[in-house]
Amino acid sequence: MKKYRFLIALALTIGLTSVQAQKATLSGTLTGVPDGVYVTVSAVVGSQLQFVDTLRLNNKGAFRMELEVPNPTLYILQTSIRDGSICHLMVEPKESVTANLAYQPDQRRFMVTSCKGSKNVEVYRQFNDILRGAVNPTLQATVPHQVEQLLKTHKNVLISAFLVTFFEQEIESYAGLYTEIRDALAPSYPNDPFVMHLSDKLRGVLGAGMEAPEISMTDPEGKTRRLSDLRGKIVLIDFWASWCGPCRRENPNVVKLYEKYHAKGFEVFSVSLDKTHAAWVKAIKDDHLVWPNHVSDLNGWTSSAGAAYGIMSVPSTVLVDKQGRIIARNLRGPELEQAVAAALGE
């Protein structure tokens, strides 16, 4: 899968710090390697793959390696024929890891079939099994959810900080998962490069599961209204403007949503990117936007709230739960109503 291949390249972009090496052992069996094909073991060090050794098998396919492990290290196994098959094994200092591996050249795949002595390798095995089981489009569509649940279950296992980058190209949608894993691992692995990478990627990103930044602005009458005052409600933050045609066409749908769910605990917090007070107030009246929470600093595209949420176009929406965390961004129509109903427990 394209996302999985992306992990390989990403591993080489994350530098590893160097400290005094400690011993660890990696042993097990490897089956399925054709005659004349050998398997190399490399460590991800800095931005490069550093060759460690060739996997030496006895006549029963067993191997054993003594490793110098300065810190938790990601090792990559690949065959001499370079067919794209790669196995990731994360080993921590002083560990004694036993991993039974199977190479399937017809499917261009390395598998960890079983392991002992390493939670990292066990989580990788389960991740591998999810990908291996996606044998048709219907099952492939379930892979993101399965991977997300696996990583949430094992958020305290270091390799989760590497495997979560499966979602790197959709980080806004999975920012909450990134945050959950980063926060679980940072106390034990504050200087680990994969954990630090999650923090780097989260800078400036606001996605599902993250706390919605405070918005404190004045309404048309000059009264200060704060997003945080609506805690305990499901809130739709609606970025719009009187001059925005698509916003004005979407407003009737927002009105219907408000009328249907307001009594059940739903609020709309409208943030206008207008520059003219009169135009803003007229649009509120003309479009029958009857909720009280209308705010603007009348700075247009330089709105402080727009900057805090990374708003690049309008209309833009952010749905927030009762605890002030983002549920989803830019939902409209049936998807938005479904999300609101679900958040209200319907």
C-alpha atoms as a PDB file:
ATOM      1  CA  MET A   1       0.000   0.000   0.000  1.00  0.00           C
ATOM      2  CA  LYS A   2       1.216   3.479  -0.848  1.00  0.00           C
ATOM      3  CA  LYS A   3       0.822   4.746   2.729  1.00  0.00           C
ATOM      4  CA  TYR A   4       2.901   1.876   4.070  1.00  0.00           C
ATOM      5  CA  ARG A   5       5.707   2.524   1.595  1.00  0.00           C
ATOM      6  CA  PHE A   6       5.633   6.132   2.781  1.00  0.00           C
ATOM      7  CA  LEU A   7       6.698   4.943   6.251  1.00  0.00           C
ATOM      8  CA  ILE A   8       9.957   3.629   4.842  1.00  0.00           C
ATOM      9  CA  ALA A   9      11.005   6.990   3.458  1.00  0.00           C
ATOM     10  CA  LEU A  10       9.777   8.833   6.531  1.00  0.00           C
ATOM     11  CA  ALA A  11      11.920   6.723   8.840  1.00  0.00           C
ATOM     12  CA  LEU A  12      14.999   8.097   7.117  1.00  0.00           C
ATOM     13  CA  THR A  13      13.987  11.714   7.711  1.00  0.00           C
ATOM     14  CA  ILE A  14      13.939  11.399  11.498  1.00  0.00           C
ATOM     15  CA  GLY A  15      17.343  11.711  13.138  1.00  0.00           C
ATOM     16  CA  LEU A  16      18.434   9.531  16.047  1.00  0.00           C
ATOM     17  CA  THR A  17      20.560  10.864  18.863  1.00  0.00           C
ATOM     18  CA  SER A  18      23.759   9.086  19.796  1.00  0.00           C
ATOM     19  CA  VAL A  19      24.441   7.950  23.370  1.00  0.00           C
ATOM     20  CA  GLN A  20      26.513   5.193  24.885  1.00  0.00           C
ATOM     21  CA  ALA A  21      25.565   1.861  23.302  1.00  0.00           C
ATOM     22  CA  GLN A  22      24.086  -1.002  25.282  1.00  0.00           C
ATOM     23  CA  LYS A  23      23.664  -4.639  24.355  1.00  0.00           C
ATOM     24  CA  ALA A  24      20.516  -6.255  23.000  1.00  0.00           C
ATOM     25  CA  THR A  25      19.891  -9.534  21.230  1.00  0.00           C
ATOM     26  CA  LEU A  26      17.710 -10.327  18.243  1.00  0.00           C
ATOM     27  CA  SER A  27      17.042 -13.971  17.458  1.00  0.00           C
ATOM     28  CA  GLY A  28      14.457 -16.120  15.763  1.00  0.00           C
ATOM     29  CA  THR A  29      13.783 -17.881  12.487  1.00  0.00           C
ATOM     30  CA  LEU A  30      13.325 -16.773   8.902  1.00  0.00           C
ATOM     31  CA  THR A  31      11.562 -18.932   6.327  1.00  0.00           C
ATOM     32  CA  GLY A  32      10.835 -18.558   2.626  1.00  0.00           C
ATOM     33  CA  VAL A  33      14.121 -17.021   1.472  1.00  0.00           C
ATOM     34  CA  PRO A  34      15.111 -18.497  -1.937  1.00  0.00           C
ATOM     35  CA  ASP A  35      18.581 -19.960  -2.447  1.00  0.00           C
ATOM     36  CA  GLY A  36      21.150 -17.306  -3.233  1.00  0.00           C
ATOM     37  CA  VAL A  37      19.158 -14.494  -1.660  1.00  0.00           C
ATOM     38  CA  TYR A  38      20.464 -12.939   1.547  1.00  0.00           C
ATOM     39  CA  VAL A  39      18.877 -10.545   4.014  1.00  0.00           C
ATOM     40  CA  THR A  40      20.595  -7.406   5.255  1.00  0.00           C
ATOM     41  CA  VAL A  41      19.981  -5.695   8.576  1.00  0.00           C
ATOM     42  CA  SER A  42      20.349  -1.903   8.724  1.00  0.00           C
ATOM     43  CA  ALA A  43      19.694   0.640  11.454  1.00  0.00           C
ATOM     44  CA  VAL A  44      18.020   3.994  10.921  1.00  0.00           C
ATOM     45  CA  VAL A  45      20.673   6.456  12.113  1.00  0.00           C
ATOM     46  CA  GLY A  46      20.233  10.126  11.434  1.00  0.00           C
ATOM     47  CA  SER A  47      18.899  10.453   7.903  1.00  0.00           C
ATOM     48  CA  GLN A  48      20.613   7.323   6.645  1.00  0.00           C
ATOM     49  CA  LEU A  49      20.369   3.566   6.740  1.00  0.00           C
ATOM     50  CA  GLN A  50      23.499   2.256   8.447  1.00  0.00           C
ATOM     51  CA  PHE A  51      24.410  -1.311   7.503  1.00  0.00           C
ATOM     52  CA  VAL A  52      24.659  -3.571  10.546  1.00  0.00           C
ATOM     53  CA  ASP A  53      25.099  -7.125   9.273  1.00  0.00           C
ATOM     54  CA  THR A  54      23.811  -9.836   6.996  1.00  0.00           C
ATOM     55  CA  LEU A  55      21.332 -12.157   8.646  1.00  0.00           C
ATOM     56  CA  ARG A  56      23.126 -15.482   9.014  1.00  0.00           C
ATOM     57  CA  LEU A  57      20.804 -18.492   9.094  1.00  0.00           C
ATOM     58  CA  ASN A  58      21.668 -22.026  10.174  1.00  0.00           C
ATOM     59  CA  ASN A  59      20.302 -25.074   8.375  1.00  0.00           C
ATOM     60  CA  LYS A  60      17.012 -24.713  10.247  1.00  0.00           C
ATOM     61  CA  GLY A  61      16.573 -21.073   9.314  1.00  0.00           C
ATOM     62  CA  ALA A  62      17.464 -19.804  12.770  1.00  0.00           C
ATOM     63  CA  PHE A  63      19.506 -16.675  13.481  1.00  0.00           C
ATOM     64  CA  ARG A  64      20.913 -14.770  16.445  1.00  0.00           C
ATOM     65  CA  MET A  65      22.453 -11.294  16.512  1.00  0.00           C
ATOM     66  CA  GLU A  66      24.159  -9.279  19.226  1.00  0.00           C
ATOM     67  CA  LEU A  67      23.312  -5.604  18.735  1.00  0.00           C
ATOM     68  CA  GLU A  68      24.827  -2.399  20.058  1.00  0.00           C
ATOM     69  CA  VAL A  69      21.702  -0.379  20.866  1.00  0.00           C
ATOM     70  CA  PRO A  70      22.394   3.190  22.098  1.00  0.00           C
ATOM     71  CA  ASN A  71      18.685   3.988  22.381  1.00  0.00           C
ATOM     72  CA  PRO A  72      15.459   2.534  20.976  1.00  0.00           C
ATOM     73  CA  THR A  73      16.476   1.821  17.386  1.00  0.00           C
ATOM     74  CA  LEU A  74      14.496   0.967  14.289  1.00  0.00           C
ATOM     75  CA  TYR A  75      16.119  -1.825  12.281  1.00  0.00           C
ATOM     76  CA  ILE A  76      15.155  -2.557   8.704  1.00  0.00           C
ATOM     77  CA  LEU A  77      15.476  -5.975   7.093  1.00  0.00           C
ATOM     78  CA  GLN A  78      15.453  -6.328   3.314  1.00  0.00           C
ATOM     79  CA  THR A  79      16.519  -8.884   0.762  1.00  0.00           C
ATOM     80  CA  SER A  80      19.430  -8.635  -1.650  1.00  0.00           C
ATOM     81  CA  ILE A  81      17.024  -8.626  -4.598  1.00  0.00           C
ATOM     82  CA  ARG A  82      15.522  -5.325  -3.397  1.00  0.00           C
ATOM     83  CA  ASP A  83      11.961  -6.237  -4.312  1.00  0.00           C
ATOM     84  CA  GLY A  84      10.416  -3.697  -1.955  1.00  0.00           C
ATOM     85  CA  SER A  85       9.842  -6.193   0.856  1.00  0.00           C
ATOM     86  CA  ILE A  86      10.887  -4.612   4.148  1.00  0.00           C
ATOM     87  CA  CYS A  87      10.478  -5.578   7.786  1.00  0.00           C
ATOM     88  CA  HIS A  88      10.734  -3.024  10.612  1.00  0.00           C
ATOM     89  CA  LEU A  89      11.946  -4.231  14.000  1.00  0.00           C
ATOM     90  CA  MET A  90      12.283  -1.733  16.837  1.00  0.00           C
ATOM     91  CA  VAL A  91      14.699  -2.902  19.539  1.00  0.00           C
ATOM     92  CA  GLU A  92      15.297  -1.176  22.861  1.00  0.00           C
ATOM     93  CA  PRO A  93      18.462  -1.343  24.987  1.00  0.00           C
ATOM     94  CA  LYS A  94      18.919  -4.562  27.016  1.00  0.00           C
ATOM     95  CA  GLU A  95      16.033  -6.314  25.269  1.00  0.00           C
ATOM     96  CA  SER A  96      16.194  -9.946  24.214  1.00  0.00           C
ATOM     97  CA  VAL A  97      13.834 -10.197  21.255  1.00  0.00           C
ATOM     98  CA  THR A  98      12.748 -13.401  19.537  1.00  0.00           C
ATOM     99  CA  ALA A  99      10.944 -12.878  16.230  1.00  0.00           C
ATOM    100  CA  ASN A 100       9.857 -15.517  13.771  1.00  0.00           C
ATOM    101  CA  LEU A 101       9.768 -14.085  10.280  1.00  0.00           C
ATOM    102  CA  ALA A 102       8.386 -15.304   6.978  1.00  0.00           C
ATOM    103  CA  TYR A 103       9.421 -13.928   3.598  1.00  0.00           C
ATOM    104  CA  GLN A 104       6.839 -14.237   0.816  1.00  0.00           C
ATOM    105  CA  PRO A 105       8.549 -13.336  -2.472  1.00  0.00           C
ATOM    106  CA  ASP A 106       5.395 -13.949  -4.528  1.00  0.00           C
ATOM    107  CA  GLN A 107       3.624 -11.232  -2.521  1.00  0.00           C
ATOM    108  CA  ARG A 108       6.730  -9.074  -1.973  1.00  0.00           C
ATOM    109  CA  ARG A 109       6.181  -9.145   1.766  1.00  0.00           C
ATOM    110  CA  PHE A 110       8.019  -9.760   5.034  1.00  0.00           C
ATOM    111  CA  MET A 111       5.850 -10.970   7.903  1.00  0.00           C
ATOM    112  CA  VAL A 112       6.425 -11.252  11.622  1.00  0.00           C
ATOM    113  CA  THR A 113       4.508 -14.444  12.442  1.00  0.00           C
ATOM    114  CA  SER A 114       5.220 -14.421  16.184  1.00  0.00           C
ATOM    115  CA  CYS A 115       7.479 -12.713  18.690  1.00  0.00           C
ATOM    116  CA  LYS A 116       8.528 -12.653  22.332  1.00  0.00           C
ATOM    117  CA  GLY A 117      10.342 -10.106  24.449  1.00  0.00           C
ATOM    118  CA  SER A 118       9.211  -6.963  22.637  1.00  0.00           C
ATOM    119  CA  LYS A 119       5.936  -5.055  22.739  1.00  0.00           C
ATOM    120  CA  ASN A 120       7.219  -3.003  19.810  1.00  0.00           C
ATOM    121  CA  VAL A 121       7.602  -6.039  17.571  1.00  0.00           C
ATOM    122  CA  GLU A 122       4.245  -7.435  18.675  1.00  0.00           C
ATOM    123  CA  VAL A 123       2.432  -4.201  17.749  1.00  0.00           C
ATOM    124  CA  TYR A 124       4.263  -4.174  14.413  1.00  0.00           C
ATOM    125  CA  ARG A 125       3.106  -7.773  13.845  1.00  0.00           C
ATOM    126  CA  GLN A 126      -0.509  -6.773  14.421  1.00  0.00           C
ATOM    127  CA  PHE A 127      -0.111  -3.760  12.124  1.00  0.00           C
ATOM    128  CA  ASN A 128       1.339  -6.054   9.460  1.00  0.00           C
ATOM    129  CA  ASP A 129      -1.579  -8.457   9.848  1.00  0.00           C
ATOM    130  CA  ILE A 130      -4.086  -5.648   9.252  1.00  0.00           C
ATOM    131  CA  LEU A 131      -2.424  -4.755   5.949  1.00  0.00           C
ATOM    132  CA  ARG A 132      -2.041  -8.396   4.950  1.00  0.00           C
ATOM    133  CA  GLY A 133      -5.721  -9.066   5.579  1.00  0.00           C
ATOM    134  CA  ALA A 134      -6.924  -6.268   3.281  1.00  0.00           C
ATOM    135  CA  VAL A 135      -7.366  -8.575   0.285  1.00  0.00           C
ATOM    136  CA  ASN A 136     -10.189  -6.704  -1.456  1.00  0.00           C
ATOM    137  CA  PRO A 137     -11.480  -3.113  -1.747  1.00  0.00           C
ATOM    138  CA  THR A 138     -14.095  -3.610   0.964  1.00  0.00           C
ATOM    139  CA  LEU A 139     -11.517  -4.769   3.498  1.00  0.00           C
ATOM    140  CA  GLN A 140      -9.010  -2.142   2.364  1.00  0.00           C
ATOM    141  CA  ALA A 141     -11.546   0.541   3.251  1.00  0.00           C
ATOM    142  CA  THR A 142     -11.503  -0.674   6.868  1.00  0.00           C
ATOM    143  CA  VAL A 143      -7.716  -0.466   7.221  1.00  0.00           C
ATOM    144  CA  PRO A 144      -7.500   3.144   8.530  1.00  0.00           C
ATOM    145  CA  HIS A 145     -10.023   2.433  11.285  1.00  0.00           C
ATOM    146  CA  GLN A 146      -8.298  -0.806  12.264  1.00  0.00           C
ATOM    147  CA  VAL A 147      -4.881   0.857  12.381  1.00  0.00           C
ATOM    148  CA  GLU A 148      -6.266   3.763  14.413  1.00  0.00           C
ATOM    149  CA  GLN A 149      -7.807   1.395  16.975  1.00  0.00           C
ATOM    150  CA  LEU A 150      -4.588  -0.642  17.193  1.00  0.00           C
ATOM    151  CA  LEU A 151      -2.496   2.447  17.891  1.00  0.00           C
ATOM    152  CA  LYS A 152      -4.952   3.837  20.431  1.00  0.00           C
ATOM    153  CA  THR A 153      -4.852   0.531  22.275  1.00  0.00           C
ATOM    154  CA  HIS A 154      -1.034   0.547  22.260  1.00  0.00           C
ATOM    155  CA  LYS A 155      -0.346   4.276  22.530  1.00  0.00           C
ATOM    156  CA  ASN A 156       2.232   3.618  25.272  1.00  0.00           C
ATOM    157  CA  VAL A 157       4.321   1.398  22.971  1.00  0.00           C
ATOM    158  CA  LEU A 158       7.093   3.343  21.261  1.00  0.00           C
ATOM    159  CA  ILE A 159       6.673   1.934  17.762  1.00  0.00           C
ATOM    160  CA  SER A 160       3.206   3.536  17.703  1.00  0.00           C
ATOM    161  CA  ALA A 161       4.996   6.887  17.279  1.00  0.00           C
ATOM    162  CA  PHE A 162       6.452   5.481  14.054  1.00  0.00           C
ATOM    163  CA  LEU A 163       3.394   3.599  12.801  1.00  0.00           C
ATOM    164  CA  VAL A 164       1.051   6.562  13.289  1.00  0.00           C
ATOM    165  CA  THR A 165       2.884   8.236  10.413  1.00  0.00           C
ATOM    166  CA  PHE A 166       0.797   5.874   8.273  1.00  0.00           C
ATOM    167  CA  PHE A 167      -1.606   8.854   8.472  1.00  0.00           C
ATOM    168  CA  GLU A 168       1.006  11.542   7.781  1.00  0.00           C
ATOM    169  CA  GLN A 169      -0.631  12.743   4.565  1.00  0.00           C
ATOM    170  CA  GLU A 170      -3.955  13.230   6.390  1.00  0.00           C
ATOM    171  CA  ILE A 171      -2.603  14.678   9.610  1.00  0.00           C
ATOM    172  CA  GLU A 172      -5.405  17.214  10.096  1.00  0.00           C
ATOM    173  CA  SER A 173      -7.909  14.366  10.267  1.00  0.00           C
ATOM    174  CA  TYR A 174      -5.688  12.370  12.630  1.00  0.00           C
ATOM    175  CA  ALA A 175      -4.181  15.173  14.717  1.00  0.00           C
ATOM    176  CA  GLY A 176      -6.035  13.859  17.762  1.00  0.00           C
ATOM    177  CA  LEU A 177      -4.427  10.441  17.365  1.00  0.00           C
ATOM    178  CA  TYR A 178      -0.994  12.054  16.929  1.00  0.00           C
ATOM    179  CA  THR A 179      -1.578  14.065  20.094  1.00  0.00           C
ATOM    180  CA  GLU A 180      -2.797  11.067  22.095  1.00  0.00           C
ATOM    181  CA  ILE A 181       0.259   8.990  21.185  1.00  0.00           C
ATOM    182  CA  ARG A 182       2.700  11.881  21.672  1.00  0.00           C
ATOM    183  CA  ASP A 183       1.280  12.668  25.115  1.00  0.00           C
ATOM    184  CA  ALA A 184       1.366   9.008  26.172  1.00  0.00           C
ATOM    185  CA  LEU A 185       5.000   8.503  25.131  1.00  0.00           C
ATOM    186  CA  ALA A 186       6.645  11.857  25.896  1.00  0.00           C
ATOM    187  CA  PRO A 187       7.105  11.267  29.668  1.00  0.00           C
ATOM    188  CA  SER A 188       9.040   8.026  29.058  1.00  0.00           C
ATOM    189  CA  TYR A 189      10.733   8.966  25.774  1.00  0.00           C
ATOM    190  CA  PRO A 190      11.144  12.779  25.855  1.00  0.00           C
ATOM    191  CA  ASN A 191      14.103  12.788  23.441  1.00  0.00           C
ATOM    192  CA  ASP A 192      13.056  10.005  21.119  1.00  0.00           C
ATOM    193  CA  PRO A 193      13.145  11.275  17.524  1.00  0.00           C
ATOM    194  CA  PHE A 194       9.865   9.656  16.538  1.00  0.00           C
ATOM    195  CA  VAL A 195       8.060  11.207  19.506  1.00  0.00           C
ATOM    196  CA  MET A 196       9.679  14.574  18.768  1.00  0.00           C
ATOM    197  CA  HIS A 197       8.595  14.225  15.143  1.00  0.00           C
ATOM    198  CA  LEU A 198       4.964  14.015  16.259  1.00  0.00           C
ATOM    199  CA  SER A 199       5.339  17.312  18.143  1.00  0.00           C
ATOM    200  CA  ASP A 200       6.918  18.923  15.087  1.00  0.00           C
ATOM    201  CA  LYS A 201       4.073  17.782  12.841  1.00  0.00           C
ATOM    202  CA  LEU A 202       1.424  18.997  15.282  1.00  0.00           C
ATOM    203  CA  ARG A 203       2.697  22.571  15.348  1.00  0.00           C
ATOM    204  CA  GLY A 204       0.134  24.734  13.593  1.00  0.00           C
ATOM    205  CA  VAL A 205      -2.235  21.822  12.955  1.00  0.00           C
ATOM    206  CA  LEU A 206      -5.747  21.790  14.364  1.00  0.00           C
ATOM    207  CA  GLY A 207      -7.579  18.574  13.748  1.00  0.00           C
ATOM    208  CA  ALA A 208     -10.032  16.126  15.263  1.00  0.00           C
ATOM    209  CA  GLY A 209      -9.422  15.473  18.948  1.00  0.00           C
ATOM    210  CA  MET A 210      -7.474  18.671  19.569  1.00  0.00           C
ATOM    211  CA  GLU A 211      -8.681  21.466  21.839  1.00  0.00           C
ATOM    212  CA  ALA A 212     -10.371  24.279  19.942  1.00  0.00           C
ATOM    213  CA  PRO A 213      -8.475  27.564  20.494  1.00  0.00           C
ATOM    214  CA  GLU A 214     -10.327  30.238  22.394  1.00  0.00           C
ATOM    215  CA  ILE A 215     -12.137  32.887  20.388  1.00  0.00           C
ATOM    216  CA  SER A 216     -12.951  36.086  22.259  1.00  0.00           C
ATOM    217  CA  MET A 217     -14.452  38.863  20.132  1.00  0.00           C
ATOM    218  CA  THR A 218     -17.252  41.376  20.182  1.00  0.00           C
ATOM    219  CA  ASP A 219     -20.687  40.951  18.688  1.00  0.00           C
ATOM    220  CA  PRO A 220     -22.441  43.686  16.625  1.00  0.00           C
ATOM    221  CA  GLU A 221     -23.494  45.476  19.848  1.00  0.00           C
ATOM    222  CA  GLY A 222     -19.953  45.486  21.212  1.00  0.00           C
ATOM    223  CA  LYS A 223     -20.494  42.715  23.774  1.00  0.00           C
ATOM    224  CA  THR A 224     -17.589  40.292  24.195  1.00  0.00           C
ATOM    225  CA  ARG A 225     -18.512  36.714  23.421  1.00  0.00           C
ATOM    226  CA  ARG A 226     -16.207  33.785  24.109  1.00  0.00           C
ATOM    227  CA  LEU A 227     -16.241  30.325  22.602  1.00  0.00           C
ATOM    228  CA  SER A 228     -15.387  28.873  26.019  1.00  0.00           C
ATOM    229  CA  ASP A 229     -18.652  30.215  27.419  1.00  0.00           C
ATOM    230  CA  LEU A 230     -20.409  27.516  25.382  1.00  0.00           C
ATOM    231  CA  ARG A 231     -18.687  24.565  27.078  1.00  0.00           C
ATOM    232  CA  GLY A 232     -21.201  21.809  27.676  1.00  0.00           C
ATOM    233  CA  LYS A 233     -22.794  22.443  24.263  1.00  0.00           C
ATOM    234  CA  ILE A 234     -22.073  21.027  20.819  1.00  0.00           C
ATOM    235  CA  VAL A 235     -20.842  24.057  18.889  1.00  0.00           C
ATOM    236  CA  LEU A 236     -20.501  24.732  15.189  1.00  0.00           C
ATOM    237  CA  ILE A 237     -17.896  27.450  14.607  1.00  0.00           C
ATOM    238  CA  ASP A 238     -18.963  28.908  11.271  1.00  0.00           C
ATOM    239  CA  PHE A 239     -16.442  31.141   9.472  1.00  0.00           C
ATOM    240  CA  TRP A 240     -18.261  33.238   6.866  1.00  0.00           C
ATOM    241  CA  ALA A 241     -18.651  36.765   5.437  1.00  0.00           C
ATOM    242  CA  SER A 242     -21.442  38.892   3.996  1.00  0.00           C
ATOM    243  CA  TRP A 243     -19.578  39.194   0.667  1.00  0.00           C
ATOM    244  CA  CYS A 244     -19.136  35.400   0.331  1.00  0.00           C
ATOM    245  CA  GLY A 245     -21.710  33.956  -2.078  1.00  0.00           C
ATOM    246  CA  PRO A 246     -21.218  30.297  -1.080  1.00  0.00           C
ATOM    247  CA  CYS A 247     -21.527  31.300   2.594  1.00  0.00           C
ATOM    248  CA  ARG A 248     -24.833  33.052   1.976  1.00  0.00           C
ATOM    249  CA  ARG A 249     -26.140  30.051   0.032  1.00  0.00           C
ATOM    250  CA  GLU A 250     -25.121  27.737   2.881  1.00  0.00           C
ATOM    251  CA  ASN A 251     -26.726  29.892   5.587  1.00  0.00           C
ATOM    252  CA  PRO A 252     -30.265  28.450   5.173  1.00  0.00           C
ATOM    253  CA  ASN A 253     -28.873  24.977   5.909  1.00  0.00           C
ATOM    254  CA  VAL A 254     -27.175  26.252   9.062  1.00  0.00           C
ATOM    255  CA  VAL A 255     -30.447  27.896  10.127  1.00  0.00           C
ATOM    256  CA  LYS A 256     -32.345  24.605   9.673  1.00  0.00           C
ATOM    257  CA  LEU A 257     -29.707  22.765  11.678  1.00  0.00           C
ATOM    258  CA  TYR A 258     -29.904  25.315  14.477  1.00  0.00           C
ATOM    259  CA  GLU A 259     -33.702  25.180  14.599  1.00  0.00           C
ATOM    260  CA  LYS A 260     -33.708  21.382  14.702  1.00  0.00           C
ATOM    261  CA  TYR A 261     -31.025  20.829  17.339  1.00  0.00           C
ATOM    262  CA  HIS A 262     -30.705  24.002  19.429  1.00  0.00           C
ATOM    263  CA  ALA A 263     -33.144  22.830  22.092  1.00  0.00           C
ATOM    264  CA  LYS A 264     -31.091  19.629  22.436  1.00  0.00           C
ATOM    265  CA  GLY A 265     -27.821  21.421  23.183  1.00  0.00           C
ATOM    266  CA  PHE A 266     -26.520  22.695  19.838  1.00  0.00           C
ATOM    267  CA  GLU A 267     -25.123  26.194  19.304  1.00  0.00           C
ATOM    268  CA  VAL A 268     -23.694  28.116  16.350  1.00  0.00           C
ATOM    269  CA  PHE A 269     -20.760  30.480  16.904  1.00  0.00           C
ATOM    270  CA  SER A 270     -20.463  32.604  13.759  1.00  0.00           C
ATOM    271  CA  VAL A 271     -17.175  34.339  13.000  1.00  0.00           C
ATOM    272  CA  SER A 272     -17.417  36.900  10.226  1.00  0.00           C
ATOM    273  CA  LEU A 273     -14.459  37.876   8.066  1.00  0.00           C
ATOM    274  CA  ASP A 274     -16.169  41.118   7.143  1.00  0.00           C
ATOM    275  CA  LYS A 275     -14.530  44.535   7.251  1.00  0.00           C
ATOM    276  CA  THR A 276     -17.712  46.608   7.301  1.00  0.00           C
ATOM    277  CA  HIS A 277     -19.995  46.587  10.318  1.00  0.00           C
ATOM    278  CA  ALA A 278     -23.099  47.598   8.381  1.00  0.00           C
ATOM    279  CA  ALA A 279     -22.690  44.854   5.751  1.00  0.00           C
ATOM    280  CA  TRP A 280     -22.133  42.249   8.449  1.00  0.00           C
ATOM    281  CA  VAL A 281     -25.243  43.251  10.438  1.00  0.00           C
ATOM    282  CA  LYS A 282     -27.408  43.449   7.310  1.00  0.00           C
ATOM    283  CA  ALA A 283     -26.396  39.912   6.243  1.00  0.00           C
ATOM    284  CA  ILE A 284     -27.232  38.535   9.694  1.00  0.00           C
ATOM    285  CA  LYS A 285     -30.707  40.103   9.450  1.00  0.00           C
ATOM    286  CA  ASP A 286     -31.348  39.210   5.794  1.00  0.00           C
ATOM    287  CA  ASP A 287     -30.342  35.554   6.259  1.00  0.00           C
ATOM    288  CA  HIS A 288     -32.306  35.173   9.524  1.00  0.00           C
ATOM    289  CA  LEU A 289     -29.275  34.060  11.528  1.00  0.00           C
ATOM    290  CA  VAL A 290     -31.185  34.147  14.809  1.00  0.00           C
ATOM    291  CA  TRP A 291     -28.543  32.753  17.182  1.00  0.00           C
ATOM    292  CA  PRO A 292     -26.852  35.301  19.456  1.00  0.00           C
ATOM    293  CA  ASN A 293     -23.234  34.282  18.989  1.00  0.00           C
ATOM    294  CA  HIS A 294     -22.041  36.483  16.120  1.00  0.00           C
ATOM    295  CA  VAL A 295     -18.516  37.907  16.429  1.00  0.00           C
ATOM    296  CA  SER A 296     -15.955  39.696  14.284  1.00  0.00           C
ATOM    297  CA  ASP A 297     -12.915  41.918  14.676  1.00  0.00           C
ATOM    298  CA  LEU A 298     -13.743  43.379  11.227  1.00  0.00           C
ATOM    299  CA  ASN A 299     -10.231  42.647   9.988  1.00  0.00           C
ATOM    300  CA  GLY A 300     -11.263  40.511   7.015  1.00  0.00           C
ATOM    301  CA  TRP A 301      -8.690  37.892   6.067  1.00  0.00           C
ATOM    302  CA  THR A 302      -6.393  39.043   8.875  1.00  0.00           C
ATOM    303  CA  SER A 303      -8.988  38.071  11.484  1.00  0.00           C
ATOM    304  CA  SER A 304      -7.237  36.780  14.605  1.00  0.00           C
ATOM    305  CA  ALA A 305      -9.722  33.904  14.878  1.00  0.00           C
ATOM    306  CA  GLY A 306      -9.185  32.985  11.240  1.00  0.00           C
ATOM    307  CA  ALA A 307      -5.435  32.913  11.829  1.00  0.00           C
ATOM    308  CA  ALA A 308      -5.798  30.752  14.952  1.00  0.00           C
ATOM    309  CA  TYR A 309      -7.784  28.172  12.976  1.00  0.00           C
ATOM    310  CA  GLY A 310      -5.775  28.382   9.772  1.00  0.00           C
ATOM    311  CA  ILE A 311      -8.750  29.551   7.736  1.00  0.00           C
ATOM    312  CA  MET A 312      -7.782  29.901   4.071  1.00  0.00           C
ATOM    313  CA  SER A 313     -11.264  30.035   2.549  1.00  0.00           C
ATOM    314  CA  VAL A 314     -14.895  30.555   3.516  1.00  0.00           C
ATOM    315  CA  PRO A 315     -17.272  29.040   4.271  1.00  0.00           C
ATOM    316  CA  SER A 316     -15.299  26.928   6.757  1.00  0.00           C
ATOM    317  CA  THR A 317     -16.705  25.072   9.723  1.00  0.00           C
ATOM    318  CA  VAL A 318     -15.307  23.499  12.864  1.00  0.00           C
ATOM    319  CA  LEU A 319     -17.538  21.223  14.947  1.00  0.00           C
ATOM    320  CA  VAL A 320     -16.620  21.213  18.656  1.00  0.00           C
ATOM    321  CA  ASP A 321     -17.735  18.801  21.372  1.00  0.00           C
ATOM    322  CA  LYS A 322     -18.981  19.566  24.877  1.00  0.00           C
ATOM    323  CA  GLN A 323     -15.432  19.484  26.265  1.00  0.00           C
ATOM    324  CA  GLY A 324     -14.187  22.025  23.723  1.00  0.00           C
ATOM    325  CA  ARG A 325     -12.379  19.518  21.497  1.00  0.00           C
ATOM    326  CA  ILE A 326     -12.640  19.458  17.734  1.00  0.00           C
ATOM    327  CA  ILE A 327     -14.868  16.714  16.331  1.00  0.00           C
ATOM    328  CA  ALA A 328     -14.371  17.482  12.636  1.00  0.00           C
ATOM    329  CA  ARG A 329     -13.712  20.291  10.178  1.00  0.00           C
ATOM    330  CA  ASN A 330     -15.517  21.466   7.058  1.00  0.00           C
ATOM    331  CA  LEU A 331     -18.517  19.166   7.260  1.00  0.00           C
ATOM    332  CA  ARG A 332     -21.603  20.238   5.342  1.00  0.00           C
ATOM    333  CA  GLY A 333     -25.040  18.937   4.459  1.00  0.00           C
ATOM    334  CA  PRO A 334     -25.993  15.420   5.606  1.00  0.00           C
ATOM    335  CA  GLU A 335     -22.476  14.736   6.952  1.00  0.00           C
ATOM    336  CA  LEU A 336     -22.676  17.754   9.248  1.00  0.00           C
ATOM    337  CA  GLU A 337     -26.155  16.858  10.502  1.00  0.00           C
ATOM    338  CA  GLN A 338     -25.090  13.255  11.151  1.00  0.00           C
ATOM    339  CA  ALA A 339     -22.079  14.453  13.144  1.00  0.00           C
ATOM    340  CA  VAL A 340     -24.188  16.864  15.198  1.00  0.00           C
ATOM    341  CA  ALA A 341     -26.805  14.191  15.917  1.00  0.00           C
ATOM    342  CA  ALA A 342     -24.116  11.694  16.920  1.00  0.00           C
ATOM    343  CA  ALA A 343     -22.419  14.240  19.209  1.00  0.00           C
ATOM    344  CA  LEU A 344     -25.776  14.890  20.895  1.00  0.00           C
ATOM    345  CA  GLY A 345     -26.214  11.156  21.420  1.00  0.00           C
ATOM    346  CA  GLU A 346     -28.968  10.645  18.866  1.00  0.00           C
END
